[in-house]
Amino acid sequence: MRSERTIIFLVGAVQFVNILDFMMVMPLGPDFALALGIPVSAIGAVGGAYTASAAVSGLLGAAVLDRFDRRKALAVAMAGLVIGTAAGGFATGLWTLLAARVLAGFFGGPASALAMSIVTDVIPAERRGKALGAVMGAFSAASVLGVPLGLELARLLGWRAPFFAVSGLGLLIAAGAIWLLPPMRGHLAAARNHPGVLELLSRPIVRWSYLLTTSVMMSGFILIPNFSAFLQGNLHYPRGGLGTLYLFGGLFSFVGLRAFGGWVDREGPVKVGTAATLGLVALTAFWFLAYDPRVPILVLFVAYMLGSSGRNVAYNTLVSKVPLPHERARFLSIQSAVQHLAAAVGAFLSAKLLVANPDGSLGNIEAIALVSMGISLLVPGFLAAVARRLEPAPAVAV
């Protein structure tokens, strides 16, 4: 049996590719929009195509994922993700790019659910906050290494190059991780008695956890896909400086994730998640409604990344304690579907509300900031509702 540390590293490597595949599209938006004749106000729809597809596949996967060895199921999901990412590099317009992102999302959603299931199977609840913080460091690593390199590749070789680079890297990392991961069959003994989707959803704690997920994801993704266009068009931030933003944002959030994970284990996810959420609301109000140009954009970007990291560690740690061992992949697959559906709704809503002005700026940006803040204020109540209903869950053999 591989050590916990090795399994966390391998799952983190897979998550790095999965997250990078999703993250790189957003800052590249103005690049491919110009090359393919896509309005910048439609960039959110490109991000939403991935998340909407991942939501559908998450619901489909909920019916079957707990019936298979986690490692084999992860192999299939990662293969589809690699193919979908490569297809994005061959896009010739909006519709072909949307189709490629739909394909990538269809496999990326289950891949994320399976990765989280593996960590939850292996790591006891009392150490899970720190472990999930380490795995979620893949988000920071994607920001520190992947996004700046992707932006530089796009600048030197064109916007298609990052798609091909990520698909190649994904093939290598996924093959290595799947080769080294042990078989993960401990949950199969109880699979015959696993609950159906309706039975799972009949439990109040499950419904509250999905409402929590919806509020976190929708409040973030009504803003995040539009960061690059907002910074360049509205705040006149130089295109060449985007890599620096993601580099420092990722570095600080990487350190912050470790700290937040330990804080969650000590103080509990409700306190940490509430503090991070209120910080994000205040920051959003300042940045989008009352921006003072004397405050460096780098400081605001790093602060937003840190706040998002803290909230994500807290809520993921909390909801990981909701399912029983034999229903984890099913629960987390639906969780992934809810995550991606909420992100898609946020992204598509932003595309609907925003207007591409003739000077390249985004109109109505204040409206989507207010919507984000309003949804965020629901998060503390949902955190508390889930925590009140938690019961100790048994460990599972792997």
Protein backbone atom coordinates (compact mmCIF):
# COMPACT_ATOMS: atom_id res chain seq x y z
CA MET A 1 0.00 0.00 0.00
CA ARG A 2 1.34 3.43 -0.91
CA SER A 3 1.85 5.91 1.91
CA GLU A 4 -0.71 8.67 2.49
CA ARG A 5 1.86 11.23 1.42
CA THR A 6 2.49 9.46 -1.91
CA ILE A 7 -1.21 9.12 -2.68
CA ILE A 8 -1.82 12.80 -1.87
CA PHE A 9 1.03 13.76 -4.19
CA LEU A 10 -0.28 11.59 -7.04
CA VAL A 11 -3.84 12.83 -6.71
CA GLY A 12 -2.54 16.39 -6.51
CA ALA A 13 -0.63 15.88 -9.78
CA VAL A 14 -3.82 14.69 -11.50
CA GLN A 15 -5.75 17.63 -10.06
CA PHE A 16 -3.03 19.98 -11.31
CA VAL A 17 -3.73 18.95 -14.90
CA ASN A 18 -7.48 19.02 -14.39
CA ILE A 19 -7.47 22.48 -12.82
CA LEU A 20 -4.95 23.90 -15.27
CA ASP A 21 -7.10 22.72 -18.18
CA PHE A 22 -9.97 24.78 -16.77
CA MET A 23 -8.02 27.76 -15.42
CA MET A 24 -5.95 28.57 -18.49
CA VAL A 25 -8.99 29.27 -20.68
CA MET A 26 -10.10 32.29 -18.65
CA PRO A 27 -6.96 34.46 -18.85
CA LEU A 28 -6.52 33.40 -22.50
CA GLY A 29 -10.02 34.67 -23.28
CA PRO A 30 -9.09 37.99 -24.89
CA ASP A 31 -6.43 36.20 -26.99
CA PHE A 32 -8.67 33.58 -28.57
CA ALA A 33 -11.58 36.04 -28.74
CA LEU A 34 -9.51 38.32 -30.97
CA ALA A 35 -8.17 35.44 -33.10
CA LEU A 36 -11.55 33.76 -33.61
CA GLY A 37 -13.74 36.86 -33.77
CA ILE A 38 -15.54 36.13 -30.49
CA PRO A 39 -16.96 39.08 -28.47
CA VAL A 40 -15.17 39.48 -25.13
CA SER A 41 -18.56 39.48 -23.40
CA ALA A 42 -18.95 35.82 -24.53
CA ILE A 43 -15.79 34.58 -22.77
CA GLY A 44 -17.87 33.58 -19.77
CA ALA A 45 -19.94 31.31 -22.03
CA VAL A 46 -16.78 29.44 -23.10
CA GLY A 47 -15.97 28.81 -19.44
CA GLY A 48 -19.59 27.92 -18.81
CA ALA A 49 -19.58 25.26 -21.55
CA TYR A 50 -16.96 23.27 -19.63
CA THR A 51 -18.76 23.57 -16.32
CA ALA A 52 -22.22 22.80 -17.72
CA SER A 53 -20.90 19.64 -19.40
CA ALA A 54 -19.11 18.61 -16.21
CA ALA A 55 -22.38 19.03 -14.33
CA VAL A 56 -24.20 16.64 -16.70
CA SER A 57 -21.45 14.03 -16.54
CA GLY A 58 -21.33 14.34 -12.76
CA LEU A 59 -25.00 13.40 -12.54
CA LEU A 60 -24.49 10.48 -14.91
CA GLY A 61 -21.39 9.36 -13.04
CA ALA A 62 -23.29 9.33 -9.75
CA ALA A 63 -25.08 6.20 -10.93
CA VAL A 64 -21.96 4.17 -11.65
CA LEU A 65 -18.71 5.51 -10.16
CA ASP A 66 -19.01 3.70 -6.81
CA ARG A 67 -19.23 0.39 -8.70
CA PHE A 68 -15.66 0.53 -10.03
CA ASP A 69 -12.09 0.54 -8.82
CA ARG A 70 -11.32 4.23 -8.32
CA ARG A 71 -8.01 3.93 -10.20
CA LYS A 72 -9.55 2.41 -13.35
CA ALA A 73 -12.37 4.94 -13.40
CA LEU A 74 -9.83 7.75 -13.02
CA ALA A 75 -7.87 6.41 -16.00
CA VAL A 76 -10.93 6.66 -18.27
CA ALA A 77 -11.82 10.15 -17.05
CA MET A 78 -8.30 11.50 -17.54
CA ALA A 79 -8.04 10.02 -21.06
CA GLY A 80 -11.20 11.86 -22.11
CA LEU A 81 -9.98 15.09 -20.51
CA VAL A 82 -6.69 14.94 -22.44
CA ILE A 83 -8.52 14.39 -25.76
CA GLY A 84 -10.96 17.23 -25.10
CA THR A 85 -8.16 19.64 -24.20
CA ALA A 86 -6.24 18.83 -27.39
CA ALA A 87 -9.42 19.39 -29.41
CA GLY A 88 -9.58 22.96 -28.10
CA GLY A 89 -6.35 23.72 -29.94
CA PHE A 90 -8.02 22.86 -33.25
CA ALA A 91 -11.03 25.19 -32.78
CA THR A 92 -11.88 27.44 -35.73
CA GLY A 93 -14.63 29.55 -34.16
CA LEU A 94 -16.94 29.95 -31.19
CA TRP A 95 -18.96 26.78 -31.79
CA THR A 96 -16.02 24.45 -32.34
CA LEU A 97 -14.32 25.86 -29.24
CA LEU A 98 -17.52 25.36 -27.24
CA ALA A 99 -17.73 21.74 -28.48
CA ALA A 100 -14.15 21.05 -27.40
CA ARG A 101 -14.77 22.53 -23.96
CA VAL A 102 -17.94 20.46 -23.60
CA LEU A 103 -15.89 17.31 -24.30
CA ALA A 104 -13.19 18.29 -21.80
CA GLY A 105 -15.76 19.13 -19.14
CA PHE A 106 -17.62 15.86 -19.64
CA PHE A 107 -14.56 13.94 -18.44
CA GLY A 108 -13.03 16.59 -16.20
CA GLY A 109 -15.98 16.63 -13.77
CA PRO A 110 -15.82 12.90 -12.90
CA ALA A 111 -12.01 13.07 -12.73
CA SER A 112 -12.27 15.70 -10.00
CA ALA A 113 -14.91 13.70 -8.09
CA LEU A 114 -12.79 10.54 -8.23
CA ALA A 115 -9.67 12.35 -7.07
CA MET A 116 -11.50 13.76 -4.05
CA SER A 117 -13.00 10.33 -3.33
CA ILE A 118 -9.53 8.78 -3.22
CA VAL A 119 -8.29 11.34 -0.70
CA THR A 120 -11.42 10.97 1.42
CA ASP A 121 -11.08 7.17 1.41
CA VAL A 122 -7.45 7.26 2.51
CA ILE A 123 -7.23 10.18 4.97
CA PRO A 124 -9.05 10.09 8.36
CA ALA A 125 -11.44 12.96 9.07
CA GLU A 126 -9.25 14.48 11.79
CA ARG A 127 -6.38 15.04 9.29
CA ARG A 128 -8.48 15.74 6.22
CA GLY A 129 -8.34 19.53 6.27
CA LYS A 130 -4.55 19.51 5.96
CA ALA A 131 -4.65 16.78 3.29
CA LEU A 132 -7.28 18.57 1.21
CA GLY A 133 -5.30 21.78 1.58
CA ALA A 134 -2.29 19.96 0.10
CA VAL A 135 -4.32 18.49 -2.79
CA MET A 136 -5.96 21.82 -3.46
CA GLY A 137 -2.45 23.24 -3.71
CA ALA A 138 -2.81 22.05 -7.30
CA PHE A 139 -4.88 25.20 -7.84
CA SER A 140 -1.99 27.33 -6.65
CA ALA A 141 0.54 25.32 -8.64
CA ALA A 142 -1.57 25.82 -11.74
CA SER A 143 -1.56 29.56 -11.06
CA VAL A 144 2.15 29.74 -10.24
CA LEU A 145 3.46 27.51 -13.02
CA GLY A 146 0.76 26.69 -15.53
CA VAL A 147 -1.11 29.92 -16.19
CA PRO A 148 1.95 32.19 -16.55
CA LEU A 149 3.64 29.64 -18.83
CA GLY A 150 0.43 29.25 -20.80
CA LEU A 151 0.14 33.00 -21.26
CA GLU A 152 3.76 33.18 -22.39
CA LEU A 153 3.27 30.27 -24.80
CA ALA A 154 0.23 32.03 -26.25
CA ARG A 155 2.22 35.24 -26.66
CA LEU A 156 5.12 33.50 -28.42
CA LEU A 157 3.41 30.70 -30.37
CA GLY A 158 -0.26 31.67 -30.51
CA TRP A 159 -3.30 30.90 -28.39
CA ARG A 160 -3.50 27.26 -29.56
CA ALA A 161 -0.13 26.29 -28.06
CA PRO A 162 -1.31 26.12 -24.41
CA PHE A 163 -4.07 23.64 -25.30
CA PHE A 164 -1.59 21.27 -26.93
CA ALA A 165 0.96 21.71 -24.13
CA VAL A 166 -1.56 20.95 -21.38
CA SER A 167 -2.92 17.90 -23.19
CA GLY A 168 0.62 16.51 -23.58
CA LEU A 169 1.47 17.20 -19.96
CA GLY A 170 -1.83 15.67 -18.90
CA LEU A 171 -1.07 12.47 -20.77
CA LEU A 172 2.28 12.10 -19.00
CA ILE A 173 1.09 12.95 -15.50
CA ALA A 174 -2.11 10.91 -15.71
CA ALA A 175 -0.23 7.86 -16.99
CA GLY A 176 2.34 8.13 -14.22
CA ALA A 177 -0.23 8.66 -11.47
CA ILE A 178 -2.45 5.81 -12.64
CA TRP A 179 0.57 3.49 -12.90
CA LEU A 180 1.68 4.28 -9.35
CA LEU A 181 -1.67 4.49 -7.58
CA PRO A 182 -2.73 1.25 -5.85
CA PRO A 183 -6.05 -0.43 -6.66
CA MET A 184 -8.84 1.35 -4.77
CA ARG A 185 -11.56 -1.27 -4.15
CA GLY A 186 -12.26 -0.97 -0.42
CA HIS A 187 -15.60 0.72 -1.03
CA LEU A 188 -16.90 -2.05 -3.31
CA ALA A 189 -17.89 -4.42 -0.47
CA ALA A 190 -20.73 -2.10 0.51
CA ALA A 191 -21.58 -1.03 -3.04
CA ARG A 192 -24.50 -3.47 -3.32
CA ASN A 193 -26.33 -1.52 -0.65
CA HIS A 194 -25.49 1.98 -1.78
CA PRO A 195 -28.39 4.43 -1.81
CA GLY A 196 -29.98 5.68 -4.99
CA VAL A 197 -29.72 9.32 -5.99
CA LEU A 198 -33.19 10.16 -4.68
CA GLU A 199 -32.51 8.40 -1.39
CA LEU A 200 -29.25 10.32 -1.05
CA LEU A 201 -30.99 13.61 -1.77
CA SER A 202 -33.70 12.84 0.77
CA ARG A 203 -31.22 13.44 3.61
CA PRO A 204 -31.33 17.07 4.83
CA ILE A 205 -27.57 17.28 5.38
CA VAL A 206 -26.95 16.32 1.74
CA ARG A 207 -29.31 19.00 0.48
CA TRP A 208 -27.71 21.63 2.73
CA SER A 209 -24.23 20.64 1.56
CA TYR A 210 -25.24 21.06 -2.08
CA LEU A 211 -26.78 24.46 -1.33
CA LEU A 212 -23.47 25.42 0.28
CA THR A 213 -21.60 24.27 -2.81
CA THR A 214 -23.95 26.20 -5.09
CA SER A 215 -23.47 29.46 -3.21
CA VAL A 216 -19.67 29.16 -3.13
CA MET A 217 -19.29 28.31 -6.81
CA MET A 218 -21.86 30.69 -8.25
CA SER A 219 -20.58 33.67 -6.28
CA GLY A 220 -17.06 33.02 -7.53
CA PHE A 221 -17.70 32.17 -11.16
CA ILE A 222 -19.90 35.09 -11.97
CA LEU A 223 -16.66 37.11 -11.60
CA ILE A 224 -13.65 34.85 -12.20
CA PRO A 225 -14.06 34.15 -15.96
CA ASN A 226 -14.10 37.91 -16.59
CA PHE A 227 -11.01 38.88 -14.58
CA SER A 228 -8.66 39.06 -17.55
CA ALA A 229 -11.02 41.12 -19.72
CA PHE A 230 -11.91 43.40 -16.78
CA LEU A 231 -8.29 44.01 -15.85
CA GLN A 232 -7.22 44.78 -19.41
CA GLY A 233 -10.31 46.59 -20.68
CA ASN A 234 -11.53 48.47 -17.61
CA LEU A 235 -8.41 48.96 -15.48
CA HIS A 236 -5.97 49.11 -18.43
CA TYR A 237 -3.69 46.50 -16.91
CA PRO A 238 -1.06 45.41 -19.47
CA ARG A 239 -1.43 42.02 -21.15
CA GLY A 240 2.21 41.25 -20.44
CA GLY A 241 1.63 41.60 -16.69
CA LEU A 242 -1.04 38.91 -16.38
CA GLY A 243 1.54 36.18 -15.86
CA THR A 244 2.98 38.10 -12.91
CA LEU A 245 -0.46 38.38 -11.31
CA TYR A 246 -1.08 34.64 -11.51
CA LEU A 247 2.48 33.86 -10.41
CA PHE A 248 2.26 35.84 -7.18
CA GLY A 249 -1.39 34.98 -6.62
CA GLY A 250 -0.54 31.30 -6.88
CA LEU A 251 2.54 31.55 -4.67
CA PHE A 252 0.65 33.25 -1.86
CA SER A 253 -2.35 30.95 -2.13
CA PHE A 254 -0.06 27.88 -2.11
CA VAL A 255 1.34 28.98 1.24
CA GLY A 256 -2.11 30.06 2.38
CA LEU A 257 -3.71 26.71 1.56
CA ARG A 258 -1.32 24.93 3.92
CA ALA A 259 -2.05 27.43 6.65
CA PHE A 260 -5.81 27.38 6.04
CA GLY A 261 -5.84 23.55 6.10
CA GLY A 262 -4.24 23.48 9.55
CA TRP A 263 -6.52 26.28 10.73
CA VAL A 264 -9.59 24.35 9.59
CA ASP A 265 -8.42 21.25 11.51
CA ARG A 266 -7.90 23.34 14.66
CA GLU A 267 -10.79 25.82 14.58
CA GLY A 268 -13.33 24.09 12.38
CA PRO A 269 -14.54 24.86 8.85
CA VAL A 270 -17.41 27.12 9.91
CA LYS A 271 -15.20 29.74 11.53
CA VAL A 272 -12.59 29.69 8.76
CA GLY A 273 -15.13 29.62 5.94
CA THR A 274 -17.14 32.49 7.43
CA ALA A 275 -14.07 34.67 7.94
CA ALA A 276 -12.82 34.03 4.40
CA THR A 277 -16.26 34.72 2.90
CA LEU A 278 -16.72 38.04 4.68
CA GLY A 279 -13.24 39.05 3.58
CA LEU A 280 -14.11 38.25 -0.04
CA VAL A 281 -17.32 40.29 0.14
CA ALA A 282 -15.43 43.34 1.43
CA LEU A 283 -12.72 42.92 -1.19
CA THR A 284 -15.23 42.58 -4.04
CA ALA A 285 -17.00 45.75 -2.93
CA PHE A 286 -13.75 47.71 -2.93
CA TRP A 287 -12.36 46.29 -6.19
CA PHE A 288 -15.46 46.45 -8.38
CA LEU A 289 -17.58 49.19 -6.80
CA ALA A 290 -15.15 51.68 -5.26
CA TYR A 291 -11.74 50.98 -6.77
CA ASP A 292 -8.93 53.30 -5.71
CA PRO A 293 -6.09 53.20 -8.28
CA ARG A 294 -3.57 53.94 -5.51
CA VAL A 295 -3.99 50.32 -4.36
CA PRO A 296 -1.91 48.02 -6.59
CA ILE A 297 -3.89 45.50 -8.60
CA LEU A 298 -1.36 42.83 -7.59
CA VAL A 299 -2.35 43.30 -3.93
CA LEU A 300 -6.05 42.95 -4.74
CA PHE A 301 -5.51 39.90 -6.93
CA VAL A 302 -3.40 38.12 -4.29
CA ALA A 303 -5.96 38.94 -1.60
CA TYR A 304 -8.78 37.52 -3.74
CA MET A 305 -6.82 34.30 -4.37
CA LEU A 306 -6.12 33.94 -0.65
CA GLY A 307 -9.74 34.51 0.33
CA SER A 308 -10.99 32.03 -2.26
CA SER A 309 -8.44 29.44 -1.13
CA GLY A 310 -9.49 29.73 2.50
CA ARG A 311 -13.18 29.43 1.71
CA ASN A 312 -12.63 26.47 -0.61
CA VAL A 313 -10.57 24.49 1.91
CA ALA A 314 -13.16 25.12 4.61
CA TYR A 315 -16.21 24.10 2.62
CA ASN A 316 -14.56 21.09 0.94
CA THR A 317 -13.37 19.78 4.31
CA LEU A 318 -16.84 20.15 5.75
CA VAL A 319 -18.74 18.45 2.93
CA SER A 320 -16.17 15.62 2.71
CA LYS A 321 -17.53 14.45 6.09
CA VAL A 322 -21.11 14.14 4.85
CA PRO A 323 -21.10 10.85 2.83
CA LEU A 324 -20.53 7.32 4.12
CA PRO A 325 -17.56 5.39 2.65
CA HIS A 326 -19.55 3.29 0.16
CA GLU A 327 -21.36 6.34 -1.25
CA ARG A 328 -18.46 8.79 -1.49
CA ALA A 329 -17.94 8.69 -5.25
CA ARG A 330 -21.70 8.93 -5.81
CA PHE A 331 -22.02 11.85 -3.40
CA LEU A 332 -18.92 13.61 -4.74
CA SER A 333 -19.98 13.02 -8.34
CA ILE A 334 -23.25 14.81 -7.65
CA GLN A 335 -21.22 17.37 -5.71
CA SER A 336 -19.04 17.86 -8.78
CA ALA A 337 -22.17 18.23 -10.91
CA VAL A 338 -23.54 20.86 -8.53
CA GLN A 339 -20.18 22.67 -8.50
CA HIS A 340 -19.97 22.82 -12.25
CA LEU A 341 -23.64 23.63 -12.78
CA ALA A 342 -23.43 26.52 -10.32
CA ALA A 343 -20.22 27.75 -11.97
CA ALA A 344 -21.88 27.47 -15.39
CA VAL A 345 -24.92 29.44 -14.24
CA GLY A 346 -22.63 32.13 -12.84
CA ALA A 347 -20.55 32.27 -16.02
CA PHE A 348 -23.55 32.34 -18.35
CA LEU A 349 -25.28 34.93 -16.17
CA SER A 350 -22.22 37.16 -16.38
CA ALA A 351 -22.19 36.76 -20.18
CA LYS A 352 -25.86 37.76 -20.22
CA LEU A 353 -25.45 40.81 -17.98
CA LEU A 354 -22.15 42.14 -19.30
CA VAL A 355 -21.84 44.36 -22.35
CA ALA A 356 -18.75 44.68 -24.56
CA ASN A 357 -18.21 48.42 -24.95
CA PRO A 358 -16.63 49.85 -28.13
CA ASP A 359 -13.44 50.77 -26.23
CA GLY A 360 -12.93 47.12 -25.16
CA SER A 361 -14.14 47.58 -21.59
CA LEU A 362 -16.90 45.57 -19.92
CA GLY A 363 -20.15 47.34 -19.10
CA ASN A 364 -22.37 46.38 -16.12
CA ILE A 365 -19.42 44.94 -14.18
CA GLU A 366 -20.88 46.52 -11.02
CA ALA A 367 -24.06 44.47 -11.43
CA ILE A 368 -22.31 41.12 -11.43
CA ALA A 369 -20.18 42.20 -8.45
CA LEU A 370 -23.34 42.94 -6.45
CA VAL A 371 -24.84 39.58 -7.39
CA SER A 372 -21.62 37.83 -6.32
CA MET A 373 -21.62 39.61 -2.97
CA GLY A 374 -25.27 38.81 -2.31
CA ILE A 375 -24.80 35.10 -2.97
CA SER A 376 -21.61 35.01 -0.88
CA LEU A 377 -23.49 36.29 2.16
CA LEU A 378 -25.51 33.02 2.14
CA VAL A 379 -22.37 30.92 2.67
CA PRO A 380 -21.92 31.33 6.47
CA GLY A 381 -25.49 30.17 7.14
CA PHE A 382 -25.09 27.12 4.90
CA LEU A 383 -21.78 26.23 6.58
CA ALA A 384 -23.47 26.28 9.97
CA ALA A 385 -26.46 24.26 8.71
CA VAL A 386 -24.23 21.44 7.43
CA ALA A 387 -22.03 21.41 10.56
CA ARG A 388 -25.06 21.07 12.87
CA ARG A 389 -26.20 17.92 11.07
CA LEU A 390 -22.87 16.07 10.87
CA GLU A 391 -22.50 12.59 12.34
CA PRO A 392 -19.21 10.67 12.72
CA ALA A 393 -18.50 8.55 9.63
CA PRO A 394 -16.56 5.26 9.73
CA ALA A 395 -13.24 4.80 7.94
CA VAL A 396 -12.95 2.56 4.91
CA ALA A 397 -10.29 0.04 3.92
CA VAL A 398 -8.50 0.66 0.64
